[in-house]
Amino acid sequence: MAAKVFKTIDEQIDILKSKGLVINDYDKAGEVLLRENYFFLNGYRSPFLVTGSKRFVEGCTFEEVYALFTFDRFFRNIIFKNILIVENNYKSIFSYVLSKKYGYKEKDYLNINNFDRSKENIKRINDLLRKLKRQIRINGYQHQATSHYINNYGYIPMWVGVKVLSFGLMSELFSIIKDEDQAEIASYYKVDADELEDYLSILSNYRNLCAHEDILYNHETQKGIDDNKYHELLNIPKVDDEYIYGKHDIFALIIILKELLTADDFKMMMNEIIYEIDWLESKLKSIKIEKVLYRMGFPDNYKQISYIE
């Protein structure tokens, strides 16, 4: 395999042109490539390529590829904002349930006896508690609220401590608490505990993806979500008895957020997403918006999810 070598902006533009991409404004294209990076922008070319080829479809312009890049940035910001809402809500509910039952000081809520101490869990519990204590110790003095409690009371209540814990760690903690505690937390969302465990793991994955500005719109997760009423009520088609949308794709993430956000927050999020999709559609000339929606896993009637109770 030939080694990759440095290419100037002009050389990058020539490569794109050689693959059939139309460059209407060389200065603008050069500015975008310099600011946004050829490698990352190139990650958005797939919907614009001739099937089975590395050439762009007839008439595809640089502006269209950049529009998809821009759309993904705004879409990612919308998703990230709403994952943070879920994260804050989950941490609040988690700390409420465990503090009410076990106490609010570290020696109370970090007691190993509060967790599911089945044989296969012991090592995980010890590892996670060690990570949790380390995050509290390192991050505790860096935040005003936690440092206030440390300096004035000598401990950090759980409802304050969760603010300095990562969402990834908090989602892992859910998997080792006792069944009855899982069930109580899940009941606030009106979902099963097993579903919530999967949802939290997937959301943690997407949170990291958003925070690092990776490509979002066509991302798929290894872990899928279970079939639920949204698949059925939206009449999502099946192949080999498997729903083709809303399992491992971005629409699965939309379903998760439908389950975990309040109705008002979800409708607001969907309105923002629909606006961005409409904006992208107005910029596309060489392909249809359906080609992008297919890669997102969005069914034709995706807007109806806002109105399902």
C-alpha atoms as a PDB file:
ATOM      1  CA  MET A   1       0.000   0.000   0.000  1.00  0.00           C
ATOM      2  CA  ALA A   2       1.418   3.364  -1.031  1.00  0.00           C
ATOM      3  CA  ALA A   3       2.311   5.758   1.755  1.00  0.00           C
ATOM      4  CA  LYS A   4       0.146   8.828   2.215  1.00  0.00           C
ATOM      5  CA  VAL A   5       2.088  12.027   1.612  1.00  0.00           C
ATOM      6  CA  PHE A   6       1.381  15.684   2.312  1.00  0.00           C
ATOM      7  CA  LYS A   7      -0.782  17.476  -0.260  1.00  0.00           C
ATOM      8  CA  THR A   8      -1.110  21.231  -0.648  1.00  0.00           C
ATOM      9  CA  ILE A   9      -4.583  22.801  -0.773  1.00  0.00           C
ATOM     10  CA  ASP A  10      -4.291  23.154  -4.563  1.00  0.00           C
ATOM     11  CA  GLU A  11      -3.329  19.491  -4.851  1.00  0.00           C
ATOM     12  CA  GLN A  12      -6.289  18.502  -2.659  1.00  0.00           C
ATOM     13  CA  ILE A  13      -8.630  20.458  -4.955  1.00  0.00           C
ATOM     14  CA  ASP A  14      -7.084  18.783  -8.005  1.00  0.00           C
ATOM     15  CA  ILE A  15      -7.715  15.350  -6.474  1.00  0.00           C
ATOM     16  CA  LEU A  16     -11.381  16.215  -5.896  1.00  0.00           C
ATOM     17  CA  LYS A  17     -11.707  17.546  -9.442  1.00  0.00           C
ATOM     18  CA  SER A  18     -10.101  14.391 -10.859  1.00  0.00           C
ATOM     19  CA  LYS A  19     -12.866  12.398  -9.183  1.00  0.00           C
ATOM     20  CA  GLY A  20     -15.561  14.445 -10.886  1.00  0.00           C
ATOM     21  CA  LEU A  21     -16.371  16.976  -8.148  1.00  0.00           C
ATOM     22  CA  VAL A  22     -17.371  20.381  -9.514  1.00  0.00           C
ATOM     23  CA  ILE A  23     -15.425  23.288  -7.946  1.00  0.00           C
ATOM     24  CA  ASN A  24     -17.297  26.542  -8.573  1.00  0.00           C
ATOM     25  CA  ASP A  25     -15.270  28.782  -6.250  1.00  0.00           C
ATOM     26  CA  TYR A  26     -11.626  27.800  -5.844  1.00  0.00           C
ATOM     27  CA  ASP A  27     -10.897  30.374  -3.155  1.00  0.00           C
ATOM     28  CA  LYS A  28     -13.880  29.312  -1.051  1.00  0.00           C
ATOM     29  CA  ALA A  29     -13.062  25.616  -1.483  1.00  0.00           C
ATOM     30  CA  GLY A  30      -9.447  26.263  -0.460  1.00  0.00           C
ATOM     31  CA  GLU A  31     -10.547  28.191   2.619  1.00  0.00           C
ATOM     32  CA  VAL A  32     -12.906  25.391   3.687  1.00  0.00           C
ATOM     33  CA  LEU A  33     -10.267  22.695   3.172  1.00  0.00           C
ATOM     34  CA  LEU A  34      -7.745  24.682   5.211  1.00  0.00           C
ATOM     35  CA  ARG A  35     -10.173  25.314   8.080  1.00  0.00           C
ATOM     36  CA  GLU A  36     -12.010  22.003   8.159  1.00  0.00           C
ATOM     37  CA  ASN A  37      -9.382  19.477   6.992  1.00  0.00           C
ATOM     38  CA  TYR A  38      -9.545  17.466   3.755  1.00  0.00           C
ATOM     39  CA  PHE A  39      -9.605  14.135   5.635  1.00  0.00           C
ATOM     40  CA  PHE A  40     -12.729  14.976   7.654  1.00  0.00           C
ATOM     41  CA  LEU A  41     -14.553  16.626   4.773  1.00  0.00           C
ATOM     42  CA  ASN A  42     -13.771  13.592   2.604  1.00  0.00           C
ATOM     43  CA  GLY A  43     -15.691  11.474   5.126  1.00  0.00           C
ATOM     44  CA  TYR A  44     -18.937  12.989   3.806  1.00  0.00           C
ATOM     45  CA  ARG A  45     -18.513  12.001   0.168  1.00  0.00           C
ATOM     46  CA  SER A  46     -20.205   8.563   0.244  1.00  0.00           C
ATOM     47  CA  PRO A  47     -23.799   9.671  -0.592  1.00  0.00           C
ATOM     48  CA  PHE A  48     -22.431  11.596  -3.574  1.00  0.00           C
ATOM     49  CA  LEU A  49     -20.446   8.752  -5.148  1.00  0.00           C
ATOM     50  CA  VAL A  50     -21.502   6.629  -8.094  1.00  0.00           C
ATOM     51  CA  THR A  51     -22.421   3.193  -6.708  1.00  0.00           C
ATOM     52  CA  GLY A  52     -19.338   0.969  -6.586  1.00  0.00           C
ATOM     53  CA  SER A  53     -17.051   3.818  -7.624  1.00  0.00           C
ATOM     54  CA  LYS A  54     -14.876   6.514  -6.083  1.00  0.00           C
ATOM     55  CA  ARG A  55     -16.158   9.073  -8.583  1.00  0.00           C
ATOM     56  CA  PHE A  56     -18.758  11.698  -7.714  1.00  0.00           C
ATOM     57  CA  VAL A  57     -22.163  11.598  -9.396  1.00  0.00           C
ATOM     58  CA  GLU A  58     -22.665  13.861 -12.399  1.00  0.00           C
ATOM     59  CA  GLY A  59     -22.908  17.523 -11.426  1.00  0.00           C
ATOM     60  CA  CYS A  60     -22.036  17.093  -7.748  1.00  0.00           C
ATOM     61  CA  THR A  61     -20.493  20.280  -6.367  1.00  0.00           C
ATOM     62  CA  PHE A  62     -18.088  21.026  -3.553  1.00  0.00           C
ATOM     63  CA  GLU A  63     -20.838  23.132  -1.974  1.00  0.00           C
ATOM     64  CA  GLU A  64     -23.102  20.085  -1.668  1.00  0.00           C
ATOM     65  CA  VAL A  65     -20.486  17.992   0.117  1.00  0.00           C
ATOM     66  CA  TYR A  66     -19.731  20.912   2.423  1.00  0.00           C
ATOM     67  CA  ALA A  67     -23.471  21.347   3.073  1.00  0.00           C
ATOM     68  CA  LEU A  68     -23.657  17.743   4.344  1.00  0.00           C
ATOM     69  CA  PHE A  69     -20.597  18.416   6.519  1.00  0.00           C
ATOM     70  CA  THR A  70     -22.272  21.547   7.910  1.00  0.00           C
ATOM     71  CA  PHE A  71     -25.572  19.754   8.422  1.00  0.00           C
ATOM     72  CA  ASP A  72     -23.831  17.045  10.435  1.00  0.00           C
ATOM     73  CA  ARG A  73     -22.188  19.677  12.630  1.00  0.00           C
ATOM     74  CA  PHE A  74     -25.526  21.324  13.473  1.00  0.00           C
ATOM     75  CA  PHE A  75     -27.248  17.945  13.836  1.00  0.00           C
ATOM     76  CA  ARG A  76     -24.467  16.754  16.153  1.00  0.00           C
ATOM     77  CA  ASN A  77     -24.868  19.879  18.306  1.00  0.00           C
ATOM     78  CA  ILE A  78     -28.611  19.234  18.634  1.00  0.00           C
ATOM     79  CA  ILE A  79     -28.060  15.602  19.610  1.00  0.00           C
ATOM     80  CA  PHE A  80     -25.245  16.450  22.018  1.00  0.00           C
ATOM     81  CA  LYS A  81     -27.341  19.079  23.764  1.00  0.00           C
ATOM     82  CA  ASN A  82     -30.170  16.600  24.314  1.00  0.00           C
ATOM     83  CA  ILE A  83     -27.902  13.778  25.454  1.00  0.00           C
ATOM     84  CA  LEU A  84     -26.600  16.200  28.095  1.00  0.00           C
ATOM     85  CA  ILE A  85     -30.198  16.801  29.204  1.00  0.00           C
ATOM     86  CA  VAL A  86     -30.697  13.042  29.586  1.00  0.00           C
ATOM     87  CA  GLU A  87     -27.366  12.751  31.400  1.00  0.00           C
ATOM     88  CA  ASN A  88     -28.330  15.429  33.914  1.00  0.00           C
ATOM     89  CA  ASN A  89     -31.797  13.916  34.457  1.00  0.00           C
ATOM     90  CA  TYR A  90     -30.388  10.396  34.890  1.00  0.00           C
ATOM     91  CA  LYS A  91     -27.730  11.527  37.372  1.00  0.00           C
ATOM     92  CA  SER A  92     -30.381  13.352  39.390  1.00  0.00           C
ATOM     93  CA  ILE A  93     -32.726  10.348  39.493  1.00  0.00           C
ATOM     94  CA  PHE A  94     -29.887   7.914  40.204  1.00  0.00           C
ATOM     95  CA  SER A  95     -28.581   9.964  43.129  1.00  0.00           C
ATOM     96  CA  TYR A  96     -32.105  10.495  44.500  1.00  0.00           C
ATOM     97  CA  VAL A  97     -32.944   6.776  44.524  1.00  0.00           C
ATOM     98  CA  LEU A  98     -29.655   5.631  46.039  1.00  0.00           C
ATOM     99  CA  SER A  99     -29.338   8.504  48.557  1.00  0.00           C
ATOM    100  CA  LYS A 100     -32.881   7.915  49.785  1.00  0.00           C
ATOM    101  CA  LYS A 101     -32.156   4.236  50.374  1.00  0.00           C
ATOM    102  CA  TYR A 102     -28.511   4.114  51.468  1.00  0.00           C
ATOM    103  CA  GLY A 103     -27.568   7.591  52.716  1.00  0.00           C
ATOM    104  CA  TYR A 104     -25.894  10.637  51.236  1.00  0.00           C
ATOM    105  CA  LYS A 105     -22.279  10.462  52.471  1.00  0.00           C
ATOM    106  CA  GLU A 106     -19.556   8.677  50.504  1.00  0.00           C
ATOM    107  CA  LYS A 107     -19.186   5.984  53.163  1.00  0.00           C
ATOM    108  CA  ASP A 108     -22.914   5.273  52.745  1.00  0.00           C
ATOM    109  CA  TYR A 109     -23.497   5.344  48.997  1.00  0.00           C
ATOM    110  CA  LEU A 110     -20.088   3.816  48.118  1.00  0.00           C
ATOM    111  CA  ASN A 111     -20.620   0.835  50.412  1.00  0.00           C
ATOM    112  CA  ILE A 112     -19.989  -2.344  48.425  1.00  0.00           C
ATOM    113  CA  ASN A 113     -23.035  -3.960  50.039  1.00  0.00           C
ATOM    114  CA  ASN A 114     -25.306  -1.569  48.113  1.00  0.00           C
ATOM    115  CA  PHE A 115     -24.502  -3.340  44.847  1.00  0.00           C
ATOM    116  CA  ASP A 116     -25.406  -6.642  43.205  1.00  0.00           C
ATOM    117  CA  ARG A 117     -22.640  -8.802  44.674  1.00  0.00           C
ATOM    118  CA  SER A 118     -23.230 -11.846  42.515  1.00  0.00           C
ATOM    119  CA  LYS A 119     -20.076 -13.844  41.803  1.00  0.00           C
ATOM    120  CA  GLU A 120     -19.645 -12.496  38.260  1.00  0.00           C
ATOM    121  CA  ASN A 121     -20.036  -8.889  39.466  1.00  0.00           C
ATOM    122  CA  ILE A 122     -17.524  -8.687  42.318  1.00  0.00           C
ATOM    123  CA  LYS A 123     -14.519  -7.733  40.198  1.00  0.00           C
ATOM    124  CA  ARG A 124     -16.568  -5.180  38.213  1.00  0.00           C
ATOM    125  CA  ILE A 125     -17.929  -3.628  41.409  1.00  0.00           C
ATOM    126  CA  ASN A 126     -14.439  -3.224  42.892  1.00  0.00           C
ATOM    127  CA  ASP A 127     -13.078  -1.798  39.630  1.00  0.00           C
ATOM    128  CA  LEU A 128     -15.963   0.651  39.192  1.00  0.00           C
ATOM    129  CA  LEU A 129     -15.900   1.825  42.802  1.00  0.00           C
ATOM    130  CA  ARG A 130     -12.169   2.428  42.481  1.00  0.00           C
ATOM    131  CA  LYS A 131     -12.763   4.507  39.313  1.00  0.00           C
ATOM    132  CA  LEU A 132     -15.630   6.353  40.979  1.00  0.00           C
ATOM    133  CA  LYS A 133     -13.593   7.267  44.060  1.00  0.00           C
ATOM    134  CA  ARG A 134     -10.704   8.366  41.838  1.00  0.00           C
ATOM    135  CA  GLN A 135     -12.923  10.655  39.750  1.00  0.00           C
ATOM    136  CA  ILE A 136     -14.444  12.188  42.878  1.00  0.00           C
ATOM    137  CA  ARG A 137     -10.990  12.699  44.399  1.00  0.00           C
ATOM    138  CA  ILE A 138      -9.449  14.221  41.260  1.00  0.00           C
ATOM    139  CA  ASN A 139     -12.435  16.247  40.064  1.00  0.00           C
ATOM    140  CA  GLY A 140     -13.855  17.178  43.450  1.00  0.00           C
ATOM    141  CA  TYR A 141     -11.523  20.125  44.062  1.00  0.00           C
ATOM    142  CA  GLN A 142     -11.937  21.414  40.508  1.00  0.00           C
ATOM    143  CA  HIS A 143     -15.640  22.251  40.854  1.00  0.00           C
ATOM    144  CA  GLN A 144     -17.037  24.927  43.122  1.00  0.00           C
ATOM    145  CA  ALA A 145     -19.974  22.901  44.473  1.00  0.00           C
ATOM    146  CA  THR A 146     -17.961  19.776  45.334  1.00  0.00           C
ATOM    147  CA  SER A 147     -15.007  21.701  46.766  1.00  0.00           C
ATOM    148  CA  HIS A 148     -17.459  23.669  48.933  1.00  0.00           C
ATOM    149  CA  TYR A 149     -18.772  20.467  50.518  1.00  0.00           C
ATOM    150  CA  ILE A 150     -15.273  19.012  50.945  1.00  0.00           C
ATOM    151  CA  ASN A 151     -13.940  22.144  52.635  1.00  0.00           C
ATOM    152  CA  ASN A 152     -16.989  22.876  54.801  1.00  0.00           C
ATOM    153  CA  TYR A 153     -18.493  19.467  55.561  1.00  0.00           C
ATOM    154  CA  GLY A 154     -15.780  16.933  54.804  1.00  0.00           C
ATOM    155  CA  TYR A 155     -17.905  14.911  52.401  1.00  0.00           C
ATOM    156  CA  ILE A 156     -19.708  15.210  49.058  1.00  0.00           C
ATOM    157  CA  PRO A 157     -23.408  14.301  48.907  1.00  0.00           C
ATOM    158  CA  MET A 158     -24.198  11.976  46.043  1.00  0.00           C
ATOM    159  CA  TRP A 159     -26.495  14.478  44.319  1.00  0.00           C
ATOM    160  CA  VAL A 160     -23.507  16.840  44.139  1.00  0.00           C
ATOM    161  CA  GLY A 161     -20.876  14.156  43.503  1.00  0.00           C
ATOM    162  CA  VAL A 162     -22.548  12.879  40.339  1.00  0.00           C
ATOM    163  CA  LYS A 163     -21.790  16.220  38.695  1.00  0.00           C
ATOM    164  CA  VAL A 164     -18.091  15.329  38.550  1.00  0.00           C
ATOM    165  CA  LEU A 165     -18.601  11.733  37.352  1.00  0.00           C
ATOM    166  CA  SER A 166     -18.499  10.839  33.665  1.00  0.00           C
ATOM    167  CA  PHE A 167     -21.644   9.639  31.930  1.00  0.00           C
ATOM    168  CA  GLY A 168     -19.761   6.488  30.895  1.00  0.00           C
ATOM    169  CA  LEU A 169     -19.030   5.613  34.513  1.00  0.00           C
ATOM    170  CA  MET A 170     -22.566   6.453  35.601  1.00  0.00           C
ATOM    171  CA  SER A 171     -24.013   4.196  32.902  1.00  0.00           C
ATOM    172  CA  GLU A 172     -21.734   1.357  34.032  1.00  0.00           C
ATOM    173  CA  LEU A 173     -22.825   1.874  37.632  1.00  0.00           C
ATOM    174  CA  PHE A 174     -26.419   1.216  36.630  1.00  0.00           C
ATOM    175  CA  SER A 175     -25.444  -2.289  35.543  1.00  0.00           C
ATOM    176  CA  ILE A 176     -24.118  -3.278  39.006  1.00  0.00           C
ATOM    177  CA  ILE A 177     -26.720  -1.792  41.354  1.00  0.00           C
ATOM    178  CA  LYS A 178     -29.356  -4.115  42.798  1.00  0.00           C
ATOM    179  CA  ASP A 179     -32.276  -5.208  40.633  1.00  0.00           C
ATOM    180  CA  GLU A 180     -34.833  -3.365  42.751  1.00  0.00           C
ATOM    181  CA  ASP A 181     -32.855  -0.124  42.458  1.00  0.00           C
ATOM    182  CA  GLN A 182     -32.536  -0.548  38.693  1.00  0.00           C
ATOM    183  CA  ALA A 183     -36.271  -1.107  38.473  1.00  0.00           C
ATOM    184  CA  GLU A 184     -37.081   2.011  40.508  1.00  0.00           C
ATOM    185  CA  ILE A 185     -34.812   4.231  38.398  1.00  0.00           C
ATOM    186  CA  ALA A 186     -36.218   2.776  35.167  1.00  0.00           C
ATOM    187  CA  SER A 187     -39.784   3.297  36.414  1.00  0.00           C
ATOM    188  CA  TYR A 188     -39.311   7.071  36.292  1.00  0.00           C
ATOM    189  CA  TYR A 189     -38.776   6.695  32.530  1.00  0.00           C
ATOM    190  CA  LYS A 190     -41.548   4.096  32.139  1.00  0.00           C
ATOM    191  CA  VAL A 191     -39.132   1.605  30.554  1.00  0.00           C
ATOM    192  CA  ASP A 192     -37.759  -1.775  31.629  1.00  0.00           C
ATOM    193  CA  ALA A 193     -34.458  -1.872  33.532  1.00  0.00           C
ATOM    194  CA  ASP A 194     -32.822  -3.978  30.799  1.00  0.00           C
ATOM    195  CA  GLU A 195     -33.886  -1.430  28.187  1.00  0.00           C
ATOM    196  CA  LEU A 196     -32.528   1.464  30.233  1.00  0.00           C
ATOM    197  CA  GLU A 197     -29.208  -0.325  30.697  1.00  0.00           C
ATOM    198  CA  ASP A 198     -28.857  -0.679  26.922  1.00  0.00           C
ATOM    199  CA  TYR A 199     -29.995   2.903  26.327  1.00  0.00           C
ATOM    200  CA  LEU A 200     -27.445   4.342  28.749  1.00  0.00           C
ATOM    201  CA  SER A 201     -24.606   2.379  27.164  1.00  0.00           C
ATOM    202  CA  ILE A 202     -25.566   3.551  23.656  1.00  0.00           C
ATOM    203  CA  LEU A 203     -26.008   7.159  24.787  1.00  0.00           C
ATOM    204  CA  SER A 204     -22.575   7.105  26.407  1.00  0.00           C
ATOM    205  CA  ASN A 205     -21.119   5.982  23.080  1.00  0.00           C
ATOM    206  CA  TYR A 206     -22.865   8.785  21.207  1.00  0.00           C
ATOM    207  CA  ARG A 207     -21.907  11.361  23.822  1.00  0.00           C
ATOM    208  CA  ASN A 208     -18.234  10.610  23.262  1.00  0.00           C
ATOM    209  CA  LEU A 209     -18.694  10.680  19.494  1.00  0.00           C
ATOM    210  CA  CYS A 210     -20.359  14.101  19.668  1.00  0.00           C
ATOM    211  CA  ALA A 211     -17.778  15.503  22.068  1.00  0.00           C
ATOM    212  CA  HIS A 212     -14.974  14.565  19.640  1.00  0.00           C
ATOM    213  CA  GLU A 213     -16.848  15.921  16.590  1.00  0.00           C
ATOM    214  CA  ASP A 214     -16.828  12.599  14.768  1.00  0.00           C
ATOM    215  CA  ILE A 215     -19.181  11.947  11.851  1.00  0.00           C
ATOM    216  CA  LEU A 216     -22.628  11.374  13.332  1.00  0.00           C
ATOM    217  CA  TYR A 217     -25.341  11.202  10.685  1.00  0.00           C
ATOM    218  CA  ASN A 218     -24.478   7.701   9.433  1.00  0.00           C
ATOM    219  CA  HIS A 219     -22.977   6.235  12.607  1.00  0.00           C
ATOM    220  CA  GLU A 220     -24.092   2.757  13.633  1.00  0.00           C
ATOM    221  CA  THR A 221     -23.596   1.071  17.000  1.00  0.00           C
ATOM    222  CA  GLN A 222     -22.679  -2.561  17.592  1.00  0.00           C
ATOM    223  CA  LYS A 223     -25.362  -2.822  20.252  1.00  0.00           C
ATOM    224  CA  GLY A 224     -28.890  -2.456  18.930  1.00  0.00           C
ATOM    225  CA  ILE A 225     -32.114  -1.612  20.723  1.00  0.00           C
ATOM    226  CA  ASP A 226     -34.988  -4.048  21.186  1.00  0.00           C
ATOM    227  CA  ASP A 227     -38.074  -3.916  18.985  1.00  0.00           C
ATOM    228  CA  ASN A 228     -40.639  -1.576  20.504  1.00  0.00           C
ATOM    229  CA  LYS A 229     -43.912   0.185  19.784  1.00  0.00           C
ATOM    230  CA  TYR A 230     -42.261   2.911  17.704  1.00  0.00           C
ATOM    231  CA  HIS A 231     -41.040   0.398  15.136  1.00  0.00           C
ATOM    232  CA  GLU A 232     -44.540  -1.055  14.926  1.00  0.00           C
ATOM    233  CA  LEU A 233     -46.544   2.182  14.935  1.00  0.00           C
ATOM    234  CA  LEU A 234     -44.332   3.746  12.265  1.00  0.00           C
ATOM    235  CA  ASN A 235     -44.786   0.620  10.125  1.00  0.00           C
ATOM    236  CA  ILE A 236     -41.047   0.267   9.654  1.00  0.00           C
ATOM    237  CA  PRO A 237     -40.445  -2.477   7.068  1.00  0.00           C
ATOM    238  CA  LYS A 238     -38.637  -5.710   7.904  1.00  0.00           C
ATOM    239  CA  VAL A 239     -36.115  -7.898   6.107  1.00  0.00           C
ATOM    240  CA  ASP A 240     -35.664 -11.438   7.415  1.00  0.00           C
ATOM    241  CA  ASP A 241     -37.964 -10.490  10.305  1.00  0.00           C
ATOM    242  CA  GLU A 242     -35.626  -7.643  11.331  1.00  0.00           C
ATOM    243  CA  TYR A 243     -36.630  -3.974  11.231  1.00  0.00           C
ATOM    244  CA  ILE A 244     -34.439  -2.173   8.705  1.00  0.00           C
ATOM    245  CA  TYR A 245     -34.530   1.178  10.546  1.00  0.00           C
ATOM    246  CA  GLY A 246     -34.243   2.128  14.186  1.00  0.00           C
ATOM    247  CA  LYS A 247     -32.066  -0.698  15.472  1.00  0.00           C
ATOM    248  CA  HIS A 248     -28.358   0.214  15.230  1.00  0.00           C
ATOM    249  CA  ASP A 249     -28.626   3.530  13.380  1.00  0.00           C
ATOM    250  CA  ILE A 250     -29.258   7.164  14.226  1.00  0.00           C
ATOM    251  CA  PHE A 251     -33.013   6.612  14.242  1.00  0.00           C
ATOM    252  CA  ALA A 252     -32.469   4.120  17.075  1.00  0.00           C
ATOM    253  CA  LEU A 253     -30.868   7.021  18.961  1.00  0.00           C
ATOM    254  CA  ILE A 254     -33.927   9.151  18.188  1.00  0.00           C
ATOM    255  CA  ILE A 255     -36.142   6.394  19.650  1.00  0.00           C
ATOM    256  CA  ILE A 256     -33.992   6.286  22.797  1.00  0.00           C
ATOM    257  CA  LEU A 257     -34.306  10.050  23.219  1.00  0.00           C
ATOM    258  CA  LYS A 258     -38.063   9.751  22.656  1.00  0.00           C
ATOM    259  CA  GLU A 259     -38.173   7.353  25.613  1.00  0.00           C
ATOM    260  CA  LEU A 260     -35.946   9.367  27.956  1.00  0.00           C
ATOM    261  CA  LEU A 261     -36.628  13.042  27.230  1.00  0.00           C
ATOM    262  CA  THR A 262     -39.767  14.849  28.336  1.00  0.00           C
ATOM    263  CA  ALA A 263     -42.408  15.235  25.616  1.00  0.00           C
ATOM    264  CA  ASP A 264     -41.695  18.971  25.330  1.00  0.00           C
ATOM    265  CA  ASP A 265     -37.920  18.501  25.083  1.00  0.00           C
ATOM    266  CA  PHE A 266     -38.331  15.791  22.450  1.00  0.00           C
ATOM    267  CA  LYS A 267     -40.675  17.859  20.287  1.00  0.00           C
ATOM    268  CA  MET A 268     -38.303  20.818  20.496  1.00  0.00           C
ATOM    269  CA  MET A 269     -35.411  18.584  19.462  1.00  0.00           C
ATOM    270  CA  MET A 270     -37.333  17.137  16.513  1.00  0.00           C
ATOM    271  CA  ASN A 271     -38.342  20.611  15.333  1.00  0.00           C
ATOM    272  CA  GLU A 272     -34.667  21.593  15.278  1.00  0.00           C
ATOM    273  CA  ILE A 273     -33.702  18.400  13.419  1.00  0.00           C
ATOM    274  CA  ILE A 274     -36.464  18.837  10.834  1.00  0.00           C
ATOM    275  CA  TYR A 275     -35.317  22.422  10.237  1.00  0.00           C
ATOM    276  CA  GLU A 276     -31.752  21.252   9.579  1.00  0.00           C
ATOM    277  CA  ILE A 277     -32.909  18.455   7.258  1.00  0.00           C
ATOM    278  CA  ASP A 278     -35.042  20.929   5.296  1.00  0.00           C
ATOM    279  CA  TRP A 279     -32.033  23.274   5.062  1.00  0.00           C
ATOM    280  CA  LEU A 280     -29.834  20.465   3.749  1.00  0.00           C
ATOM    281  CA  GLU A 281     -32.479  19.442   1.200  1.00  0.00           C
ATOM    282  CA  SER A 282     -32.463  22.998  -0.184  1.00  0.00           C
ATOM    283  CA  LYS A 283     -28.701  22.720  -0.796  1.00  0.00           C
ATOM    284  CA  LEU A 284     -28.695  19.331  -2.536  1.00  0.00           C
ATOM    285  CA  LYS A 285     -28.927  19.305  -6.336  1.00  0.00           C
ATOM    286  CA  SER A 286     -27.179  16.144  -7.533  1.00  0.00           C
ATOM    287  CA  ILE A 287     -28.810  13.734  -5.053  1.00  0.00           C
ATOM    288  CA  LYS A 288     -32.128  13.520  -3.194  1.00  0.00           C
ATOM    289  CA  ILE A 289     -32.407  14.091   0.566  1.00  0.00           C
ATOM    290  CA  GLU A 290     -33.741  10.512   0.848  1.00  0.00           C
ATOM    291  CA  LYS A 291     -30.217   9.255   0.146  1.00  0.00           C
ATOM    292  CA  VAL A 292     -28.985  10.991   3.304  1.00  0.00           C
ATOM    293  CA  LEU A 293     -32.016   9.969   5.369  1.00  0.00           C
ATOM    294  CA  TYR A 294     -31.434   6.336   4.366  1.00  0.00           C
ATOM    295  CA  ARG A 295     -27.925   6.491   5.813  1.00  0.00           C
ATOM    296  CA  MET A 296     -29.359   7.995   8.997  1.00  0.00           C
ATOM    297  CA  GLY A 297     -31.880   5.157   9.255  1.00  0.00           C
ATOM    298  CA  PHE A 298     -34.761   7.627   9.072  1.00  0.00           C
ATOM    299  CA  PRO A 299     -37.959   6.130   7.612  1.00  0.00           C
ATOM    300  CA  ASP A 300     -40.017   8.279   5.223  1.00  0.00           C
ATOM    301  CA  ASN A 301     -42.526   9.053   7.983  1.00  0.00           C
ATOM    302  CA  TYR A 302     -39.902   9.852  10.646  1.00  0.00           C
ATOM    303  CA  LYS A 303     -41.667  13.093  11.630  1.00  0.00           C
ATOM    304  CA  GLN A 304     -44.614  11.122  13.028  1.00  0.00           C
ATOM    305  CA  ILE A 305     -42.566   9.914  15.996  1.00  0.00           C
ATOM    306  CA  SER A 306     -43.164  13.317  17.584  1.00  0.00           C
ATOM    307  CA  TYR A 307     -46.894  12.612  17.809  1.00  0.00           C
ATOM    308  CA  ILE A 308     -46.790   9.052  19.188  1.00  0.00           C
ATOM    309  CA  GLU A 309     -47.684   8.984  22.863  1.00  0.00           C
END
